N, C-alpha and C. Protein backbone atom coordinates (compact mmCIF):
# COMPACT_ATOMS: atom_id res chain seq x y z
N MET A 1 0.83 -1.19 0.00
CA MET A 1 0.00 0.00 0.00
C MET A 1 0.88 1.26 0.00
N ARG A 2 1.91 1.28 0.85
CA ARG A 2 2.78 2.45 0.92
C ARG A 2 3.51 2.67 -0.40
N ARG A 3 3.93 1.59 -1.04
CA ARG A 3 4.63 1.71 -2.31
C ARG A 3 3.71 2.27 -3.39
N ALA A 4 2.43 2.00 -3.32
CA ALA A 4 1.49 2.49 -4.31
C ALA A 4 1.22 3.99 -4.09
N LEU A 5 1.27 4.47 -2.85
CA LEU A 5 1.01 5.88 -2.57
C LEU A 5 2.14 6.78 -3.03
N PHE A 6 3.37 6.31 -3.01
CA PHE A 6 4.51 7.14 -3.39
C PHE A 6 4.41 7.63 -4.85
N PRO A 7 4.16 6.75 -5.84
CA PRO A 7 4.04 7.24 -7.22
C PRO A 7 2.86 8.20 -7.39
N ILE A 8 1.78 7.98 -6.68
CA ILE A 8 0.62 8.88 -6.77
C ILE A 8 0.99 10.25 -6.21
N ALA A 9 1.65 10.28 -5.06
CA ALA A 9 2.06 11.54 -4.45
C ALA A 9 3.06 12.28 -5.34
N LEU A 10 3.99 11.53 -5.94
CA LEU A 10 4.99 12.13 -6.81
C LEU A 10 4.33 12.73 -8.06
N SER A 11 3.38 12.02 -8.63
CA SER A 11 2.70 12.54 -9.83
C SER A 11 1.86 13.77 -9.49
N LEU A 12 1.24 13.81 -8.31
CA LEU A 12 0.48 14.99 -7.89
C LEU A 12 1.41 16.19 -7.72
N LEU A 13 2.61 15.97 -7.21
CA LEU A 13 3.58 17.04 -7.05
C LEU A 13 3.96 17.62 -8.41
N PHE A 14 4.22 16.76 -9.39
CA PHE A 14 4.58 17.24 -10.72
C PHE A 14 3.42 17.95 -11.41
N LEU A 15 2.19 17.54 -11.13
CA LEU A 15 1.03 18.23 -11.68
C LEU A 15 0.86 19.60 -11.05
N ALA A 16 1.19 19.74 -9.78
CA ALA A 16 1.03 21.01 -9.07
C ALA A 16 2.11 22.01 -9.46
N LEU A 17 3.30 21.58 -9.83
CA LEU A 17 4.39 22.49 -10.16
C LEU A 17 4.08 23.42 -11.33
N PRO A 18 3.58 22.94 -12.46
CA PRO A 18 3.31 23.87 -13.55
C PRO A 18 2.26 24.92 -13.18
N ALA A 19 1.32 24.58 -12.33
CA ALA A 19 0.29 25.54 -11.95
C ALA A 19 0.87 26.68 -11.13
N THR A 20 1.90 26.44 -10.35
CA THR A 20 2.47 27.50 -9.51
C THR A 20 3.70 28.13 -10.14
N ALA A 21 4.20 27.60 -11.25
CA ALA A 21 5.43 28.12 -11.84
C ALA A 21 5.26 29.56 -12.33
N GLY A 22 4.08 29.94 -12.82
CA GLY A 22 3.86 31.27 -13.33
C GLY A 22 3.41 32.26 -12.29
N GLU A 23 3.18 31.83 -11.08
CA GLU A 23 2.71 32.72 -10.03
C GLU A 23 3.79 33.72 -9.65
N PRO A 24 3.40 34.96 -9.37
CA PRO A 24 4.39 35.95 -8.96
C PRO A 24 4.98 35.63 -7.60
N THR A 25 6.26 35.94 -7.44
CA THR A 25 6.89 35.72 -6.14
C THR A 25 6.90 36.98 -5.31
N ILE A 26 6.49 38.11 -5.90
CA ILE A 26 6.42 39.35 -5.12
C ILE A 26 5.02 39.93 -5.21
N ASP A 27 4.64 40.62 -4.17
CA ASP A 27 3.36 41.29 -4.08
C ASP A 27 3.62 42.79 -4.18
N VAL A 28 3.09 43.44 -5.20
CA VAL A 28 3.33 44.87 -5.38
C VAL A 28 2.09 45.71 -5.10
N ALA A 29 1.04 45.08 -4.58
CA ALA A 29 -0.18 45.83 -4.28
C ALA A 29 0.06 46.78 -3.12
N GLY A 30 -0.55 47.96 -3.21
CA GLY A 30 -0.49 48.91 -2.12
C GLY A 30 0.02 50.27 -2.56
N LEU A 31 0.31 51.08 -1.58
CA LEU A 31 0.81 52.43 -1.81
C LEU A 31 2.33 52.41 -1.84
N TRP A 32 2.91 53.04 -2.87
CA TRP A 32 4.36 53.08 -3.04
C TRP A 32 4.83 54.52 -3.13
N ASN A 33 5.94 54.83 -2.51
CA ASN A 33 6.62 56.11 -2.65
C ASN A 33 7.64 55.94 -3.76
N LEU A 34 7.54 56.78 -4.79
CA LEU A 34 8.38 56.64 -5.98
C LEU A 34 9.44 57.73 -6.07
N HIS A 35 10.56 57.38 -6.66
CA HIS A 35 11.63 58.31 -6.98
C HIS A 35 12.12 57.92 -8.36
N ALA A 36 12.24 58.89 -9.27
CA ALA A 36 12.70 58.59 -10.63
C ALA A 36 13.64 59.69 -11.10
N GLU A 37 14.64 59.30 -11.85
CA GLU A 37 15.56 60.25 -12.46
C GLU A 37 15.71 59.91 -13.93
N THR A 38 15.69 60.94 -14.75
CA THR A 38 15.87 60.77 -16.18
C THR A 38 16.49 62.02 -16.76
N ALA A 39 17.01 61.92 -17.94
CA ALA A 39 17.59 63.07 -18.63
C ALA A 39 16.66 63.48 -19.76
N VAL A 40 16.61 64.78 -20.04
CA VAL A 40 15.87 65.27 -21.20
C VAL A 40 16.90 65.75 -22.22
N PRO A 41 16.51 65.74 -23.48
CA PRO A 41 17.48 66.21 -24.49
C PRO A 41 17.96 67.63 -24.18
N SER A 42 19.24 67.86 -24.36
CA SER A 42 19.84 69.15 -24.07
C SER A 42 19.36 70.19 -25.08
N PRO A 43 18.79 71.31 -24.61
CA PRO A 43 18.30 72.33 -25.55
C PRO A 43 19.44 73.01 -26.32
N GLU A 44 20.60 73.06 -25.74
CA GLU A 44 21.73 73.69 -26.41
C GLU A 44 22.40 72.75 -27.40
N GLY A 45 22.07 71.48 -27.34
CA GLY A 45 22.69 70.51 -28.22
C GLY A 45 24.14 70.24 -27.89
N ASP A 46 24.54 70.55 -26.64
CA ASP A 46 25.95 70.38 -26.27
C ASP A 46 26.26 68.95 -25.82
N GLY A 47 25.25 68.09 -25.86
CA GLY A 47 25.48 66.70 -25.50
C GLY A 47 25.42 66.41 -24.01
N VAL A 48 25.23 67.43 -23.18
CA VAL A 48 25.12 67.21 -21.74
C VAL A 48 23.64 67.30 -21.37
N PRO A 49 22.99 66.15 -21.21
CA PRO A 49 21.55 66.20 -20.94
C PRO A 49 21.25 66.64 -19.50
N PRO A 50 20.29 67.55 -19.34
CA PRO A 50 19.89 67.94 -17.99
C PRO A 50 19.18 66.77 -17.31
N ILE A 51 19.40 66.62 -16.01
CA ILE A 51 18.79 65.55 -15.23
C ILE A 51 17.53 66.08 -14.56
N CYS A 52 16.43 65.34 -14.70
CA CYS A 52 15.17 65.66 -14.05
C CYS A 52 14.94 64.63 -12.95
N GLU A 53 14.63 65.09 -11.75
CA GLU A 53 14.41 64.20 -10.62
C GLU A 53 12.98 64.39 -10.12
N PHE A 54 12.26 63.28 -9.98
CA PHE A 54 10.85 63.31 -9.60
C PHE A 54 10.62 62.47 -8.34
N GLU A 55 9.62 62.86 -7.56
CA GLU A 55 9.14 62.05 -6.43
C GLU A 55 7.63 62.10 -6.40
N GLY A 56 7.04 61.03 -5.90
CA GLY A 56 5.59 60.97 -5.79
C GLY A 56 5.14 59.63 -5.25
N THR A 57 3.90 59.30 -5.54
CA THR A 57 3.32 58.06 -5.04
C THR A 57 2.59 57.32 -6.16
N ALA A 58 2.41 56.03 -5.94
CA ALA A 58 1.62 55.19 -6.84
C ALA A 58 0.75 54.27 -6.00
N GLN A 59 -0.49 54.11 -6.40
CA GLN A 59 -1.39 53.16 -5.76
C GLN A 59 -1.58 52.02 -6.74
N ILE A 60 -1.13 50.82 -6.37
CA ILE A 60 -1.13 49.67 -7.26
C ILE A 60 -2.06 48.58 -6.73
N SER A 61 -2.85 48.00 -7.64
CA SER A 61 -3.68 46.83 -7.34
C SER A 61 -3.08 45.65 -8.08
N GLN A 62 -3.15 44.49 -7.48
CA GLN A 62 -2.60 43.28 -8.11
C GLN A 62 -3.63 42.17 -8.05
N ASP A 63 -3.89 41.56 -9.20
CA ASP A 63 -4.80 40.43 -9.30
C ASP A 63 -4.02 39.30 -9.97
N GLY A 64 -3.44 38.43 -9.15
CA GLY A 64 -2.58 37.37 -9.69
C GLY A 64 -1.31 37.99 -10.23
N THR A 65 -1.11 37.88 -11.54
CA THR A 65 0.09 38.46 -12.14
C THR A 65 -0.17 39.84 -12.74
N SER A 66 -1.44 40.25 -12.87
CA SER A 66 -1.78 41.53 -13.48
C SER A 66 -1.77 42.65 -12.44
N ILE A 67 -1.22 43.81 -12.83
CA ILE A 67 -1.22 44.97 -11.95
C ILE A 67 -1.84 46.16 -12.69
N SER A 68 -2.44 47.05 -11.92
CA SER A 68 -2.98 48.29 -12.47
C SER A 68 -2.97 49.33 -11.37
N GLY A 69 -3.12 50.57 -11.75
CA GLY A 69 -3.16 51.62 -10.76
C GLY A 69 -2.88 52.98 -11.36
N SER A 70 -2.48 53.90 -10.50
CA SER A 70 -2.18 55.26 -10.94
C SER A 70 -0.97 55.78 -10.18
N ALA A 71 -0.28 56.72 -10.80
CA ALA A 71 0.91 57.31 -10.19
C ALA A 71 0.88 58.82 -10.42
N ALA A 72 1.40 59.57 -9.46
CA ALA A 72 1.53 61.02 -9.58
C ALA A 72 2.89 61.42 -9.02
N LEU A 73 3.68 62.07 -9.85
CA LEU A 73 5.02 62.49 -9.43
C LEU A 73 5.19 63.98 -9.73
N GLY A 74 5.96 64.64 -8.89
CA GLY A 74 6.28 66.05 -9.10
C GLY A 74 7.77 66.23 -9.23
N LEU A 75 8.17 67.24 -9.98
CA LEU A 75 9.57 67.56 -10.17
C LEU A 75 10.15 68.11 -8.87
N ILE A 76 11.26 67.52 -8.40
CA ILE A 76 11.92 68.04 -7.19
C ILE A 76 13.26 68.69 -7.51
N ASP A 77 13.81 68.38 -8.69
CA ASP A 77 15.07 69.00 -9.08
C ASP A 77 15.25 68.86 -10.58
N GLY A 78 15.69 69.93 -11.21
CA GLY A 78 15.96 69.89 -12.64
C GLY A 78 15.72 71.22 -13.29
N PRO A 79 16.16 71.38 -14.54
CA PRO A 79 16.00 72.64 -15.26
C PRO A 79 14.56 72.84 -15.74
N VAL A 80 14.30 73.98 -16.36
CA VAL A 80 12.95 74.30 -16.84
C VAL A 80 12.50 73.37 -17.96
N ASP A 81 13.41 72.65 -18.59
CA ASP A 81 13.04 71.72 -19.66
C ASP A 81 12.32 70.48 -19.13
N CYS A 82 12.41 70.24 -17.83
CA CYS A 82 11.77 69.07 -17.23
C CYS A 82 10.28 69.34 -17.04
N PRO A 83 9.44 68.33 -17.24
CA PRO A 83 8.02 68.50 -16.92
C PRO A 83 7.86 68.74 -15.42
N MET A 84 6.95 69.62 -15.05
CA MET A 84 6.75 69.93 -13.63
C MET A 84 6.11 68.77 -12.88
N GLU A 85 5.27 68.01 -13.55
CA GLU A 85 4.63 66.87 -12.89
C GLU A 85 4.31 65.79 -13.90
N LEU A 86 4.18 64.59 -13.40
CA LEU A 86 3.83 63.43 -14.20
C LEU A 86 2.65 62.74 -13.54
N ALA A 87 1.61 62.52 -14.29
CA ALA A 87 0.48 61.73 -13.82
C ALA A 87 0.38 60.55 -14.76
N ALA A 88 0.21 59.35 -14.23
CA ALA A 88 0.26 58.18 -15.10
C ALA A 88 -0.76 57.13 -14.70
N THR A 89 -1.22 56.41 -15.69
CA THR A 89 -2.02 55.21 -15.49
C THR A 89 -1.08 54.03 -15.61
N VAL A 90 -1.09 53.16 -14.63
CA VAL A 90 -0.15 52.03 -14.57
C VAL A 90 -0.86 50.75 -14.99
N THR A 91 -0.27 50.00 -15.91
CA THR A 91 -0.74 48.66 -16.24
C THR A 91 0.49 47.78 -16.41
N GLY A 92 0.36 46.51 -16.13
CA GLY A 92 1.51 45.64 -16.29
C GLY A 92 1.31 44.28 -15.68
N ASP A 93 2.44 43.60 -15.50
CA ASP A 93 2.44 42.23 -15.00
C ASP A 93 3.61 42.01 -14.04
N VAL A 94 3.43 41.07 -13.15
CA VAL A 94 4.51 40.57 -12.30
C VAL A 94 4.79 39.16 -12.78
N VAL A 95 6.00 38.93 -13.25
CA VAL A 95 6.39 37.61 -13.74
C VAL A 95 7.54 37.14 -12.87
N GLY A 96 7.27 36.15 -12.02
CA GLY A 96 8.29 35.69 -11.08
C GLY A 96 8.66 36.81 -10.14
N ASP A 97 9.91 37.25 -10.17
CA ASP A 97 10.34 38.34 -9.30
C ASP A 97 10.61 39.63 -10.09
N THR A 98 10.01 39.74 -11.30
CA THR A 98 10.20 40.91 -12.14
C THR A 98 8.87 41.63 -12.35
N VAL A 99 8.92 42.95 -12.29
CA VAL A 99 7.75 43.78 -12.53
C VAL A 99 7.92 44.46 -13.88
N GLN A 100 6.93 44.33 -14.76
CA GLN A 100 6.92 45.00 -16.06
C GLN A 100 5.70 45.91 -16.08
N MET A 101 5.93 47.23 -16.20
CA MET A 101 4.82 48.18 -16.19
C MET A 101 4.91 49.09 -17.40
N GLY A 102 3.76 49.44 -17.92
CA GLY A 102 3.67 50.47 -18.93
C GLY A 102 2.95 51.65 -18.33
N LEU A 103 3.47 52.83 -18.51
CA LEU A 103 2.84 54.03 -17.97
C LEU A 103 2.41 54.92 -19.11
N LEU A 104 1.16 55.29 -19.11
CA LEU A 104 0.66 56.29 -20.04
C LEU A 104 0.62 57.58 -19.24
N MET A 105 1.55 58.48 -19.54
CA MET A 105 1.72 59.68 -18.74
C MET A 105 0.78 60.77 -19.21
N GLY A 106 0.15 61.44 -18.26
CA GLY A 106 -0.78 62.52 -18.55
C GLY A 106 -0.06 63.75 -19.07
N GLY A 107 -0.85 64.72 -19.53
CA GLY A 107 -0.28 65.96 -20.03
C GLY A 107 0.41 65.77 -21.37
N ASN A 108 0.01 64.74 -22.13
CA ASN A 108 0.59 64.46 -23.44
C ASN A 108 2.10 64.27 -23.37
N LEU A 109 2.57 63.68 -22.28
CA LEU A 109 4.01 63.47 -22.11
C LEU A 109 4.48 62.19 -22.76
N GLY A 110 3.57 61.28 -23.08
CA GLY A 110 3.98 60.08 -23.79
C GLY A 110 3.75 58.80 -23.02
N THR A 111 4.37 57.74 -23.51
CA THR A 111 4.26 56.41 -22.91
C THR A 111 5.66 55.95 -22.53
N ALA A 112 5.76 55.33 -21.35
CA ALA A 112 7.05 54.82 -20.88
C ALA A 112 6.87 53.39 -20.40
N SER A 113 7.91 52.61 -20.52
CA SER A 113 7.90 51.25 -19.97
C SER A 113 8.89 51.20 -18.82
N PHE A 114 8.46 50.59 -17.75
CA PHE A 114 9.26 50.45 -16.54
C PHE A 114 9.45 48.97 -16.28
N SER A 115 10.66 48.56 -15.98
CA SER A 115 10.91 47.18 -15.56
C SER A 115 11.76 47.23 -14.30
N GLY A 116 11.52 46.29 -13.42
CA GLY A 116 12.26 46.30 -12.17
C GLY A 116 12.10 45.01 -11.41
N SER A 117 12.73 44.99 -10.26
CA SER A 117 12.67 43.81 -9.39
C SER A 117 12.84 44.28 -7.95
N GLU A 118 12.80 43.33 -7.03
CA GLU A 118 12.95 43.66 -5.62
C GLU A 118 14.32 44.29 -5.37
N GLY A 119 14.34 45.26 -4.47
CA GLY A 119 15.59 45.90 -4.11
C GLY A 119 16.33 45.12 -3.03
N ASP A 120 17.39 45.71 -2.53
CA ASP A 120 18.20 45.06 -1.51
C ASP A 120 17.54 45.04 -0.14
N PHE A 121 16.54 45.90 0.07
CA PHE A 121 15.87 46.00 1.36
C PHE A 121 14.42 45.55 1.22
N PRO A 122 13.81 45.10 2.32
CA PRO A 122 12.40 44.68 2.25
C PRO A 122 11.50 45.82 1.76
N ASP A 123 10.46 45.48 1.03
CA ASP A 123 9.47 46.43 0.53
C ASP A 123 10.08 47.52 -0.34
N THR A 124 11.07 47.17 -1.15
CA THR A 124 11.64 48.12 -2.11
C THR A 124 11.67 47.47 -3.50
N LEU A 125 11.56 48.32 -4.51
CA LEU A 125 11.68 47.91 -5.90
C LEU A 125 12.67 48.86 -6.57
N VAL A 126 13.42 48.37 -7.53
CA VAL A 126 14.35 49.20 -8.30
C VAL A 126 14.27 48.77 -9.76
N GLY A 127 14.55 49.72 -10.66
CA GLY A 127 14.50 49.34 -12.06
C GLY A 127 14.87 50.45 -13.01
N ASN A 128 14.62 50.19 -14.30
CA ASN A 128 14.93 51.11 -15.39
C ASN A 128 13.65 51.52 -16.09
N MET A 129 13.72 52.65 -16.81
CA MET A 129 12.58 53.10 -17.59
C MET A 129 13.04 53.61 -18.95
N ASP A 130 12.16 53.46 -19.93
CA ASP A 130 12.42 53.95 -21.28
C ASP A 130 11.15 54.60 -21.80
N VAL A 131 11.25 55.84 -22.28
CA VAL A 131 10.10 56.54 -22.84
C VAL A 131 10.03 56.18 -24.32
N SER A 132 8.88 55.62 -24.75
CA SER A 132 8.76 55.12 -26.12
C SER A 132 8.00 56.06 -27.04
N SER A 133 7.22 57.00 -26.51
CA SER A 133 6.49 57.91 -27.39
C SER A 133 6.30 59.25 -26.70
N GLY A 134 5.92 60.25 -27.47
CA GLY A 134 5.69 61.57 -26.92
C GLY A 134 6.90 62.47 -27.08
N PRO A 135 6.84 63.69 -26.52
CA PRO A 135 7.93 64.64 -26.69
C PRO A 135 9.26 64.20 -26.09
N PHE A 136 9.22 63.25 -25.15
CA PHE A 136 10.46 62.79 -24.51
C PHE A 136 10.86 61.39 -24.97
N ALA A 137 10.34 60.96 -26.12
CA ALA A 137 10.65 59.63 -26.65
C ALA A 137 12.16 59.46 -26.80
N GLY A 138 12.62 58.29 -26.43
CA GLY A 138 14.03 57.96 -26.58
C GLY A 138 14.87 58.19 -25.33
N ILE A 139 14.31 58.83 -24.32
CA ILE A 139 15.09 59.03 -23.09
C ILE A 139 14.89 57.84 -22.16
N SER A 140 15.85 57.63 -21.31
CA SER A 140 15.75 56.53 -20.35
C SER A 140 16.20 57.05 -18.99
N GLY A 141 16.01 56.23 -17.99
CA GLY A 141 16.38 56.61 -16.64
C GLY A 141 16.25 55.45 -15.70
N PHE A 142 16.23 55.75 -14.42
CA PHE A 142 16.05 54.69 -13.42
C PHE A 142 15.03 55.15 -12.39
N TRP A 143 14.50 54.18 -11.65
CA TRP A 143 13.51 54.47 -10.63
C TRP A 143 13.69 53.54 -9.46
N ASP A 144 13.17 53.96 -8.32
CA ASP A 144 13.10 53.08 -7.15
C ASP A 144 11.82 53.41 -6.40
N ALA A 145 11.33 52.46 -5.66
CA ALA A 145 10.08 52.62 -4.92
C ALA A 145 10.18 51.94 -3.57
N THR A 146 9.54 52.54 -2.59
CA THR A 146 9.46 51.99 -1.24
C THR A 146 7.99 51.89 -0.88
N ARG A 147 7.61 50.74 -0.35
CA ARG A 147 6.20 50.56 0.03
C ARG A 147 5.86 51.57 1.11
N GLY A 148 4.80 52.32 0.88
CA GLY A 148 4.35 53.33 1.83
C GLY A 148 3.51 52.71 2.94
N ALA A 149 3.37 53.45 4.00
CA ALA A 149 2.56 52.99 5.13
C ALA A 149 1.09 53.06 4.74
N ALA A 150 0.31 52.11 5.20
CA ALA A 150 -1.12 52.10 4.92
C ALA A 150 -1.82 53.24 5.65
N GLY A 151 -1.29 53.67 6.72
CA GLY A 151 -1.85 54.76 7.51
C GLY A 151 -0.75 55.34 8.37
N LEU A 152 -1.11 56.26 9.20
CA LEU A 152 -0.12 56.84 10.09
C LEU A 152 0.20 55.87 11.22
N ASP A 153 1.47 55.75 11.53
CA ASP A 153 1.87 54.95 12.68
C ASP A 153 1.78 55.84 13.91
N ILE A 154 0.86 55.50 14.78
CA ILE A 154 0.68 56.28 15.99
C ILE A 154 1.35 55.54 17.13
N PRO A 155 2.31 56.19 17.80
CA PRO A 155 2.99 55.50 18.90
C PRO A 155 2.02 55.25 20.05
N THR A 156 2.20 54.13 20.69
CA THR A 156 1.36 53.79 21.84
C THR A 156 2.25 53.45 23.03
N LEU A 157 1.68 53.61 24.20
CA LEU A 157 2.41 53.30 25.43
C LEU A 157 1.99 51.92 25.93
N GLY A 158 2.95 51.21 26.46
CA GLY A 158 2.65 49.93 27.10
C GLY A 158 2.12 50.19 28.50
N THR A 159 1.92 49.15 29.27
CA THR A 159 1.39 49.27 30.63
C THR A 159 2.29 50.12 31.51
N VAL A 160 3.59 49.89 31.46
CA VAL A 160 4.52 50.66 32.30
C VAL A 160 4.49 52.13 31.90
N GLY A 161 4.44 52.41 30.60
CA GLY A 161 4.38 53.79 30.14
C GLY A 161 3.12 54.49 30.58
N LEU A 162 2.00 53.78 30.53
CA LEU A 162 0.74 54.38 30.98
C LEU A 162 0.76 54.68 32.48
N VAL A 163 1.31 53.76 33.29
CA VAL A 163 1.41 53.98 34.74
C VAL A 163 2.29 55.19 35.03
N LEU A 164 3.42 55.30 34.31
CA LEU A 164 4.30 56.45 34.50
C LEU A 164 3.62 57.75 34.08
N LEU A 165 2.88 57.74 32.99
CA LEU A 165 2.17 58.92 32.53
C LEU A 165 1.12 59.36 33.55
N VAL A 166 0.34 58.43 34.08
CA VAL A 166 -0.66 58.77 35.10
C VAL A 166 0.01 59.33 36.34
N GLY A 167 1.14 58.72 36.75
CA GLY A 167 1.88 59.21 37.92
C GLY A 167 2.39 60.62 37.71
N LEU A 168 2.92 60.91 36.53
CA LEU A 168 3.40 62.26 36.22
C LEU A 168 2.26 63.27 36.19
N LEU A 169 1.12 62.89 35.64
CA LEU A 169 -0.03 63.79 35.62
C LEU A 169 -0.54 64.08 37.02
N LEU A 170 -0.59 63.05 37.87
CA LEU A 170 -1.01 63.27 39.26
C LEU A 170 -0.03 64.15 40.01
N ALA A 171 1.26 63.95 39.80
CA ALA A 171 2.27 64.78 40.46
C ALA A 171 2.16 66.23 40.00
N ALA A 172 1.94 66.46 38.71
CA ALA A 172 1.80 67.81 38.19
C ALA A 172 0.53 68.47 38.75
N ALA A 173 -0.55 67.73 38.85
CA ALA A 173 -1.79 68.27 39.40
C ALA A 173 -1.61 68.63 40.87
N THR A 174 -0.88 67.81 41.61
CA THR A 174 -0.64 68.08 43.03
C THR A 174 0.17 69.36 43.19
N VAL A 175 1.20 69.53 42.39
CA VAL A 175 2.04 70.74 42.46
C VAL A 175 1.21 71.97 42.13
N LEU A 176 0.37 71.90 41.10
CA LEU A 176 -0.46 73.04 40.72
C LEU A 176 -1.48 73.39 41.80
N LEU A 177 -2.07 72.38 42.42
CA LEU A 177 -3.05 72.63 43.49
C LEU A 177 -2.39 73.27 44.69
N ARG A 178 -1.18 72.83 45.08
CA ARG A 178 -0.47 73.41 46.23
C ARG A 178 -0.11 74.86 45.96
N ARG A 179 0.31 75.17 44.72
CA ARG A 179 0.66 76.54 44.39
C ARG A 179 -0.59 77.42 44.45
N ARG A 180 -1.70 76.93 43.99
CA ARG A 180 -2.94 77.68 43.98
C ARG A 180 -3.40 77.95 45.40
N GLN A 181 -3.28 76.97 46.28
CA GLN A 181 -3.69 77.14 47.69
C GLN A 181 -2.75 78.09 48.43
N ALA A 182 -1.49 78.16 48.01
CA ALA A 182 -0.53 79.02 48.67
C ALA A 182 -0.79 80.49 48.34
N VAL A 183 -1.45 80.77 47.27
CA VAL A 183 -1.70 82.17 46.86
C VAL A 183 -2.85 82.72 47.54
């Protein structure tokens, strides 16, 4: 009986492997803080492209391997040739540990493709971008993202902290009452 179960278990394992082989190994759903740098063509034609640096956020939804969402970035450093802001619709896929996204940027800025993977630290992504259409077609750059907090982290006190806080409040009230009575 045991010998008959082994081949069945082994065949079930091989049947299960192809079903999970295409599953993403990273979860990119949620709020992300983005940073991107790219160069724009030099207006003087001197071959030294000005660097544009952007920061913003993206809200990404993930359904299996498909991702979608929106991104908004603002210019934090760069010359007047840089767009002041970028608004984008995000679509793409997560394949294994790689993220492939296409961004359709608002303001008639064009279409860009972003590819990346997990960074060296937890909840980080890093990658490259290439603008394929629009006034900035042909430029490339790099980006990184850090998963943002779902909400504000509010510090809390443990039991000892609460006891100390109550003791300090009582001591302060006692001092104030004695001063008031002395007047």
